[in-house]
């Protein structure tokens, strides 16, 4: 997986600093992002989920990836 940059790196660094769990998913690079997110939420007892990442101009299709994964995990679509 490529190294995080910009706001994604800052988010991961702050999560580490404050002892918060952090998961990085990437379209086409994560084998099963839906299952990874489900397991992450369950194993960490997540109640509030912060979603951060690249803007669409830097990562085309990221919005649809996020909507698809969150819909499957949170709504069960």
PDB file of N, CA and C in Angstrom:
ATOM      1  N   UNK A   1       0.843  -1.176   0.000  1.00  0.00           N
ATOM      2  CA  UNK A   1       0.000   0.000   0.000  1.00  0.00           C
ATOM      3  C   UNK A   1       0.889   1.239   0.000  1.00  0.00           C
ATOM      4  N   UNK A   2       0.486   2.226  -0.760  1.00  0.00           N
ATOM      5  CA  UNK A   2       1.268   3.464  -0.852  1.00  0.00           C
ATOM      6  C   UNK A   2       1.242   4.219   0.479  1.00  0.00           C
ATOM      7  N   UNK A   3       2.279   4.975   0.705  1.00  0.00           N
ATOM      8  CA  UNK A   3       2.363   5.771   1.925  1.00  0.00           C
ATOM      9  C   UNK A   3       1.293   6.857   1.904  1.00  0.00           C
ATOM     10  N   UNK A   4       0.722   7.126   3.059  1.00  0.00           N
ATOM     11  CA  UNK A   4      -0.284   8.183   3.156  1.00  0.00           C
ATOM     12  C   UNK A   4       0.380   9.545   3.032  1.00  0.00           C
ATOM     13  N   UNK A   5      -0.370  10.497   2.495  1.00  0.00           N
ATOM     14  CA  UNK A   5       0.125  11.864   2.345  1.00  0.00           C
ATOM     15  C   UNK A   5      -0.974  12.831   2.742  1.00  0.00           C
ATOM     16  N   UNK A   6      -0.630  14.088   2.877  1.00  0.00           N
ATOM     17  CA  UNK A   6      -1.595  15.158   3.115  1.00  0.00           C
ATOM     18  C   UNK A   6      -2.479  14.932   4.321  1.00  0.00           C
ATOM     19  N   UNK A   7      -3.777  15.216   4.135  1.00  0.00           N
ATOM     20  CA  UNK A   7      -4.742  15.105   5.213  1.00  0.00           C
ATOM     21  C   UNK A   7      -4.914  13.684   5.722  1.00  0.00           C
ATOM     22  N   UNK A   8      -4.768  12.697   4.837  1.00  0.00           N
ATOM     23  CA  UNK A   8      -4.883  11.296   5.259  1.00  0.00           C
ATOM     24  C   UNK A   8      -3.759  10.938   6.225  1.00  0.00           C
ATOM     25  N   UNK A   9      -2.552  11.403   5.930  1.00  0.00           N
ATOM     26  CA  UNK A   9      -1.406  11.150   6.809  1.00  0.00           C
ATOM     27  C   UNK A   9      -1.606  11.860   8.136  1.00  0.00           C
ATOM     28  N   UNK A  10      -2.073  13.099   8.089  1.00  0.00           N
ATOM     29  CA  UNK A  10      -2.309  13.876   9.311  1.00  0.00           C
ATOM     30  C   UNK A  10      -3.340  13.172  10.194  1.00  0.00           C
ATOM     31  N   UNK A  11      -4.415  12.686   9.597  1.00  0.00           N
ATOM     32  CA  UNK A  11      -5.446  11.971  10.340  1.00  0.00           C
ATOM     33  C   UNK A  11      -4.874  10.729  11.008  1.00  0.00           C
ATOM     34  N   UNK A  12      -4.108   9.938  10.263  1.00  0.00           N
ATOM     35  CA  UNK A  12      -3.503   8.719  10.820  1.00  0.00           C
ATOM     36  C   UNK A  12      -2.516   9.062  11.937  1.00  0.00           C
ATOM     37  N   UNK A  13      -1.717  10.107  11.734  1.00  0.00           N
ATOM     38  CA  UNK A  13      -0.750  10.525  12.755  1.00  0.00           C
ATOM     39  C   UNK A  13      -1.459  10.953  14.041  1.00  0.00           C
ATOM     40  N   UNK A  14      -2.547  11.712  13.909  1.00  0.00           N
ATOM     41  CA  UNK A  14      -3.282  12.159  15.089  1.00  0.00           C
ATOM     42  C   UNK A  14      -3.979  10.995  15.801  1.00  0.00           C
ATOM     43  N   UNK A  15      -4.494  10.061  15.031  1.00  0.00           N
ATOM     44  CA  UNK A  15      -5.118   8.874  15.632  1.00  0.00           C
ATOM     45  C   UNK A  15      -4.086   8.123  16.465  1.00  0.00           C
ATOM     46  N   UNK A  16      -2.908   7.945  15.906  1.00  0.00           N
ATOM     47  CA  UNK A  16      -1.824   7.268  16.634  1.00  0.00           C
ATOM     48  C   UNK A  16      -1.449   8.045  17.887  1.00  0.00           C
ATOM     49  N   UNK A  17      -1.289   9.347  17.749  1.00  0.00           N
ATOM     50  CA  UNK A  17      -0.894  10.209  18.862  1.00  0.00           C
ATOM     51  C   UNK A  17      -1.885  10.107  20.024  1.00  0.00           C
ATOM     52  N   UNK A  18      -3.173  10.056  19.708  1.00  0.00           N
ATOM     53  CA  UNK A  18      -4.203  10.035  20.737  1.00  0.00           C
ATOM     54  C   UNK A  18      -4.717   8.627  21.057  1.00  0.00           C
ATOM     55  N   UNK A  19      -4.026   7.618  20.552  1.00  0.00           N
ATOM     56  CA  UNK A  19      -4.375   6.239  20.862  1.00  0.00           C
ATOM     57  C   UNK A  19      -5.716   5.788  20.314  1.00  0.00           C
ATOM     58  N   UNK A  20      -6.102   6.352  19.190  1.00  0.00           N
ATOM     59  CA  UNK A  20      -7.373   5.994  18.557  1.00  0.00           C
ATOM     60  C   UNK A  20      -7.115   4.974  17.450  1.00  0.00           C
ATOM     61  N   UNK A  21      -8.044   4.057  17.238  1.00  0.00           N
ATOM     62  CA  UNK A  21      -7.874   3.088  16.151  1.00  0.00           C
ATOM     63  C   UNK A  21      -7.989   3.787  14.799  1.00  0.00           C
ATOM     64  N   UNK A  22      -7.275   3.270  13.824  1.00  0.00           N
ATOM     65  CA  UNK A  22      -7.261   3.876  12.498  1.00  0.00           C
ATOM     66  C   UNK A  22      -7.181   2.773  11.453  1.00  0.00           C
ATOM     67  N   UNK A  23      -7.929   2.909  10.393  1.00  0.00           N
ATOM     68  CA  UNK A  23      -7.940   1.938   9.305  1.00  0.00           C
ATOM     69  C   UNK A  23      -7.872   2.691   7.994  1.00  0.00           C
ATOM     70  N   UNK A  24      -6.984   2.279   7.109  1.00  0.00           N
ATOM     71  CA  UNK A  24      -6.881   2.887   5.784  1.00  0.00           C
ATOM     72  C   UNK A  24      -7.354   1.883   4.748  1.00  0.00           C
ATOM     73  N   UNK A  25      -8.382   2.247   4.010  1.00  0.00           N
ATOM     74  CA  UNK A  25      -8.898   1.416   2.927  1.00  0.00           C
ATOM     75  C   UNK A  25      -8.660   2.145   1.615  1.00  0.00           C
ATOM     76  N   UNK A  26      -8.404   1.392   0.573  1.00  0.00           N
ATOM     77  CA  UNK A  26      -8.150   1.998  -0.724  1.00  0.00           C
ATOM     78  C   UNK A  26      -8.785   1.150  -1.822  1.00  0.00           C
ATOM     79  N   UNK A  27      -9.519   1.797  -2.705  1.00  0.00           N
ATOM     80  CA  UNK A  27     -10.162   1.091  -3.816  1.00  0.00           C
ATOM     81  C   UNK A  27      -9.114   0.379  -4.659  1.00  0.00           C
ATOM     82  N   UNK A  28      -9.357  -0.880  -4.922  1.00  0.00           N
ATOM     83  CA  UNK A  28      -8.457  -1.644  -5.773  1.00  0.00           C
ATOM     84  C   UNK A  28      -7.205  -2.147  -5.077  1.00  0.00           C
ATOM     85  N   UNK A  29      -6.961  -1.683  -3.851  1.00  0.00           N
ATOM     86  CA  UNK A  29      -5.765  -2.110  -3.130  1.00  0.00           C
ATOM     87  C   UNK A  29      -6.105  -2.873  -1.858  1.00  0.00           C
ATOM     88  N   UNK A  30      -7.359  -2.807  -1.436  1.00  0.00           N
ATOM     89  CA  UNK A  30      -7.821  -3.519  -0.258  1.00  0.00           C
ATOM     90  C   UNK A  30      -8.615  -4.718  -0.755  1.00  0.00           C
ATOM     91  N   UNK A  31      -8.243  -5.917  -0.323  1.00  0.00           N
ATOM     92  CA  UNK A  31      -8.859  -7.136  -0.839  1.00  0.00           C
ATOM     93  C   UNK A  31     -10.372  -7.139  -0.630  1.00  0.00           C
ATOM     94  N   UNK A  32     -10.835  -6.920   0.580  1.00  0.00           N
ATOM     95  CA  UNK A  32     -12.268  -6.898   0.868  1.00  0.00           C
ATOM     96  C   UNK A  32     -12.556  -5.740   1.815  1.00  0.00           C
ATOM     97  N   UNK A  33     -12.690  -4.521   1.276  1.00  0.00           N
ATOM     98  CA  UNK A  33     -12.859  -3.350   2.138  1.00  0.00           C
ATOM     99  C   UNK A  33     -14.101  -3.410   3.023  1.00  0.00           C
ATOM    100  N   UNK A  34     -15.174  -4.003   2.535  1.00  0.00           N
ATOM    101  CA  UNK A  34     -16.406  -4.096   3.320  1.00  0.00           C
ATOM    102  C   UNK A  34     -16.168  -4.950   4.554  1.00  0.00           C
ATOM    103  N   UNK A  35     -15.567  -6.111   4.374  1.00  0.00           N
ATOM    104  CA  UNK A  35     -15.299  -6.998   5.506  1.00  0.00           C
ATOM    105  C   UNK A  35     -14.246  -6.407   6.437  1.00  0.00           C
ATOM    106  N   UNK A  36     -13.248  -5.738   5.880  1.00  0.00           N
ATOM    107  CA  UNK A  36     -12.239  -5.097   6.733  1.00  0.00           C
ATOM    108  C   UNK A  36     -12.859  -4.024   7.613  1.00  0.00           C
ATOM    109  N   UNK A  37     -13.750  -3.213   7.050  1.00  0.00           N
ATOM    110  CA  UNK A  37     -14.392  -2.162   7.827  1.00  0.00           C
ATOM    111  C   UNK A  37     -15.319  -2.758   8.883  1.00  0.00           C
ATOM    112  N   UNK A  38     -16.085  -3.786   8.507  1.00  0.00           N
ATOM    113  CA  UNK A  38     -16.954  -4.449   9.497  1.00  0.00           C
ATOM    114  C   UNK A  38     -16.137  -4.971  10.680  1.00  0.00           C
ATOM    115  N   UNK A  39     -15.056  -5.655  10.384  1.00  0.00           N
ATOM    116  CA  UNK A  39     -14.211  -6.216  11.440  1.00  0.00           C
ATOM    117  C   UNK A  39     -13.588  -5.119  12.295  1.00  0.00           C
ATOM    118  N   UNK A  40     -13.150  -4.032  11.664  1.00  0.00           N
ATOM    119  CA  UNK A  40     -12.549  -2.900  12.375  1.00  0.00           C
ATOM    120  C   UNK A  40     -13.554  -2.284  13.349  1.00  0.00           C
ATOM    121  N   UNK A  41     -14.769  -2.056  12.884  1.00  0.00           N
ATOM    122  CA  UNK A  41     -15.811  -1.462  13.724  1.00  0.00           C
ATOM    123  C   UNK A  41     -16.125  -2.375  14.910  1.00  0.00           C
ATOM    124  N   UNK A  42     -16.269  -3.646  14.623  1.00  0.00           N
ATOM    125  CA  UNK A  42     -16.613  -4.600  15.681  1.00  0.00           C
ATOM    126  C   UNK A  42     -15.472  -4.777  16.684  1.00  0.00           C
ATOM    127  N   UNK A  43     -14.268  -4.982  16.204  1.00  0.00           N
ATOM    128  CA  UNK A  43     -13.152  -5.271  17.110  1.00  0.00           C
ATOM    129  C   UNK A  43     -12.736  -4.065  17.944  1.00  0.00           C
ATOM    130  N   UNK A  44     -13.064  -2.860  17.480  1.00  0.00           N
ATOM    131  CA  UNK A  44     -12.701  -1.650  18.220  1.00  0.00           C
ATOM    132  C   UNK A  44     -13.883  -0.993  18.923  1.00  0.00           C
ATOM    133  N   UNK A  45     -15.063  -1.604  18.847  1.00  0.00           N
ATOM    134  CA  UNK A  45     -16.239  -1.034  19.495  1.00  0.00           C
ATOM    135  C   UNK A  45     -16.547   0.376  19.019  1.00  0.00           C
ATOM    136  N   UNK A  46     -16.399   0.607  17.731  1.00  0.00           N
ATOM    137  CA  UNK A  46     -16.580   1.947  17.161  1.00  0.00           C
ATOM    138  C   UNK A  46     -18.032   2.401  17.296  1.00  0.00           C
ATOM    139  N   UNK A  47     -18.227   3.595  17.840  1.00  0.00           N
ATOM    140  CA  UNK A  47     -19.544   4.217  17.950  1.00  0.00           C
ATOM    141  C   UNK A  47     -19.647   5.434  17.035  1.00  0.00           C
ATOM    142  N   UNK A  48     -18.538   6.143  16.849  1.00  0.00           N
ATOM    143  CA  UNK A  48     -18.461   7.307  15.960  1.00  0.00           C
ATOM    144  C   UNK A  48     -17.329   7.043  14.979  1.00  0.00           C
ATOM    145  N   UNK A  49     -17.619   7.143  13.692  1.00  0.00           N
ATOM    146  CA  UNK A  49     -16.638   6.847  12.654  1.00  0.00           C
ATOM    147  C   UNK A  49     -16.257   8.121  11.917  1.00  0.00           C
ATOM    148  N   UNK A  50     -14.982   8.468  11.952  1.00  0.00           N
ATOM    149  CA  UNK A  50     -14.468   9.601  11.199  1.00  0.00           C
ATOM    150  C   UNK A  50     -13.979   9.075   9.846  1.00  0.00           C
ATOM    151  N   UNK A  51     -14.469   9.649   8.777  1.00  0.00           N
ATOM    152  CA  UNK A  51     -14.046   9.244   7.435  1.00  0.00           C
ATOM    153  C   UNK A  51     -13.264  10.392   6.825  1.00  0.00           C
ATOM    154  N   UNK A  52     -12.031  10.113   6.445  1.00  0.00           N
ATOM    155  CA  UNK A  52     -11.169  11.135   5.850  1.00  0.00           C
ATOM    156  C   UNK A  52     -10.468  10.528   4.651  1.00  0.00           C
ATOM    157  N   UNK A  53     -10.044  11.380   3.750  1.00  0.00           N
ATOM    158  CA  UNK A  53      -9.319  10.856   2.605  1.00  0.00           C
ATOM    159  C   UNK A  53      -9.097  11.892   1.533  1.00  0.00           C
ATOM    160  N   UNK A  54      -8.595  11.406   0.433  1.00  0.00           N
ATOM    161  CA  UNK A  54      -8.271  12.268  -0.695  1.00  0.00           C
ATOM    162  C   UNK A  54      -9.524  12.839  -1.343  1.00  0.00           C
ATOM    163  N   UNK A  55      -9.365  13.996  -1.931  1.00  0.00           N
ATOM    164  CA  UNK A  55     -10.462  14.583  -2.694  1.00  0.00           C
ATOM    165  C   UNK A  55     -10.529  13.911  -4.067  1.00  0.00           C
ATOM    166  N   UNK A  56     -11.670  14.005  -4.701  1.00  0.00           N
ATOM    167  CA  UNK A  56     -11.895  13.342  -5.983  1.00  0.00           C
ATOM    168  C   UNK A  56     -10.939  13.820  -7.065  1.00  0.00           C
ATOM    169  N   UNK A  57     -10.477  15.063  -6.984  1.00  0.00           N
ATOM    170  CA  UNK A  57      -9.549  15.559  -7.998  1.00  0.00           C
ATOM    171  C   UNK A  57      -8.195  14.842  -7.920  1.00  0.00           C
ATOM    172  N   UNK A  58      -7.867  14.321  -6.754  1.00  0.00           N
ATOM    173  CA  UNK A  58      -6.608  13.587  -6.596  1.00  0.00           C
ATOM    174  C   UNK A  58      -6.795  12.087  -6.702  1.00  0.00           C
ATOM    175  N   UNK A  59      -7.994  11.604  -6.414  1.00  0.00           N
ATOM    176  CA  UNK A  59      -8.289  10.170  -6.482  1.00  0.00           C
ATOM    177  C   UNK A  59      -9.673   9.972  -7.080  1.00  0.00           C
ATOM    178  N   UNK A  60      -9.752  10.004  -8.412  1.00  0.00           N
ATOM    179  CA  UNK A  60     -11.046   9.857  -9.073  1.00  0.00           C
ATOM    180  C   UNK A  60     -11.769   8.578  -8.628  1.00  0.00           C
ATOM    181  N   UNK A  61     -13.051   8.699  -8.381  1.00  0.00           N
ATOM    182  CA  UNK A  61     -13.852   7.544  -7.983  1.00  0.00           C
ATOM    183  C   UNK A  61     -13.894   7.302  -6.483  1.00  0.00           C
ATOM    184  N   UNK A  62     -13.157   8.083  -5.710  1.00  0.00           N
ATOM    185  CA  UNK A  62     -13.095   7.847  -4.263  1.00  0.00           C
ATOM    186  C   UNK A  62     -14.466   8.026  -3.610  1.00  0.00           C
ATOM    187  N   UNK A  63     -15.243   8.973  -4.076  1.00  0.00           N
ATOM    188  CA  UNK A  63     -16.568   9.202  -3.491  1.00  0.00           C
ATOM    189  C   UNK A  63     -17.474   7.991  -3.637  1.00  0.00           C
ATOM    190  N   UNK A  64     -17.508   7.417  -4.823  1.00  0.00           N
ATOM    191  CA  UNK A  64     -18.329   6.225  -5.052  1.00  0.00           C
ATOM    192  C   UNK A  64     -17.835   5.039  -4.239  1.00  0.00           C
ATOM    193  N   UNK A  65     -16.512   4.901  -4.103  1.00  0.00           N
ATOM    194  CA  UNK A  65     -15.931   3.830  -3.288  1.00  0.00           C
ATOM    195  C   UNK A  65     -16.403   3.964  -1.844  1.00  0.00           C
ATOM    196  N   UNK A  66     -16.328   5.160  -1.296  1.00  0.00           N
ATOM    197  CA  UNK A  66     -16.719   5.406   0.093  1.00  0.00           C
ATOM    198  C   UNK A  66     -18.216   5.140   0.281  1.00  0.00           C
ATOM    199  N   UNK A  67     -19.029   5.658  -0.610  1.00  0.00           N
ATOM    200  CA  UNK A  67     -20.482   5.446  -0.516  1.00  0.00           C
ATOM    201  C   UNK A  67     -20.806   3.960  -0.583  1.00  0.00           C
ATOM    202  N   UNK A  68     -20.184   3.251  -1.495  1.00  0.00           N
ATOM    203  CA  UNK A  68     -20.445   1.820  -1.657  1.00  0.00           C
ATOM    204  C   UNK A  68     -20.067   1.039  -0.400  1.00  0.00           C
ATOM    205  N   UNK A  69     -18.866   1.276   0.110  1.00  0.00           N
ATOM    206  CA  UNK A  69     -18.397   0.532   1.290  1.00  0.00           C
ATOM    207  C   UNK A  69     -19.262   0.867   2.504  1.00  0.00           C
ATOM    208  N   UNK A  70     -19.479   2.156   2.767  1.00  0.00           N
ATOM    209  CA  UNK A  70     -20.280   2.534   3.934  1.00  0.00           C
ATOM    210  C   UNK A  70     -21.715   2.022   3.822  1.00  0.00           C
ATOM    211  N   UNK A  71     -22.286   2.068   2.639  1.00  0.00           N
ATOM    212  CA  UNK A  71     -23.652   1.564   2.450  1.00  0.00           C
ATOM    213  C   UNK A  71     -23.744   0.085   2.787  1.00  0.00           C
ATOM    214  N   UNK A  72     -22.782  -0.685   2.315  1.00  0.00           N
ATOM    215  CA  UNK A  72     -22.804  -2.120   2.582  1.00  0.00           C
ATOM    216  C   UNK A  72     -22.588  -2.429   4.058  1.00  0.00           C
ATOM    217  N   UNK A  73     -21.727  -1.679   4.703  1.00  0.00           N
ATOM    218  CA  UNK A  73     -21.422  -1.941   6.107  1.00  0.00           C
ATOM    219  C   UNK A  73     -22.528  -1.421   7.032  1.00  0.00           C
ATOM    220  N   UNK A  74     -22.972  -0.206   6.821  1.00  0.00           N
ATOM    221  CA  UNK A  74     -23.868   0.438   7.767  1.00  0.00           C
ATOM    222  C   UNK A  74     -25.363   0.204   7.464  1.00  0.00           C
ATOM    223  N   UNK A  75     -25.677   0.043   6.202  1.00  0.00           N
ATOM    224  CA  UNK A  75     -27.082  -0.122   5.825  1.00  0.00           C
ATOM    225  C   UNK A  75     -27.372  -1.558   5.397  1.00  0.00           C
ATOM    226  N   UNK A  76     -26.325  -2.258   5.014  1.00  0.00           N
ATOM    227  CA  UNK A  76     -26.497  -3.650   4.601  1.00  0.00           C
ATOM    228  C   UNK A  76     -26.930  -3.825   3.169  1.00  0.00           C
ATOM    229  N   UNK A  77     -26.632  -2.826   2.342  1.00  0.00           N
ATOM    230  CA  UNK A  77     -26.999  -2.910   0.914  1.00  0.00           C
ATOM    231  C   UNK A  77     -26.079  -3.834   0.171  1.00  0.00           C
TER     232      UNK A  77
END
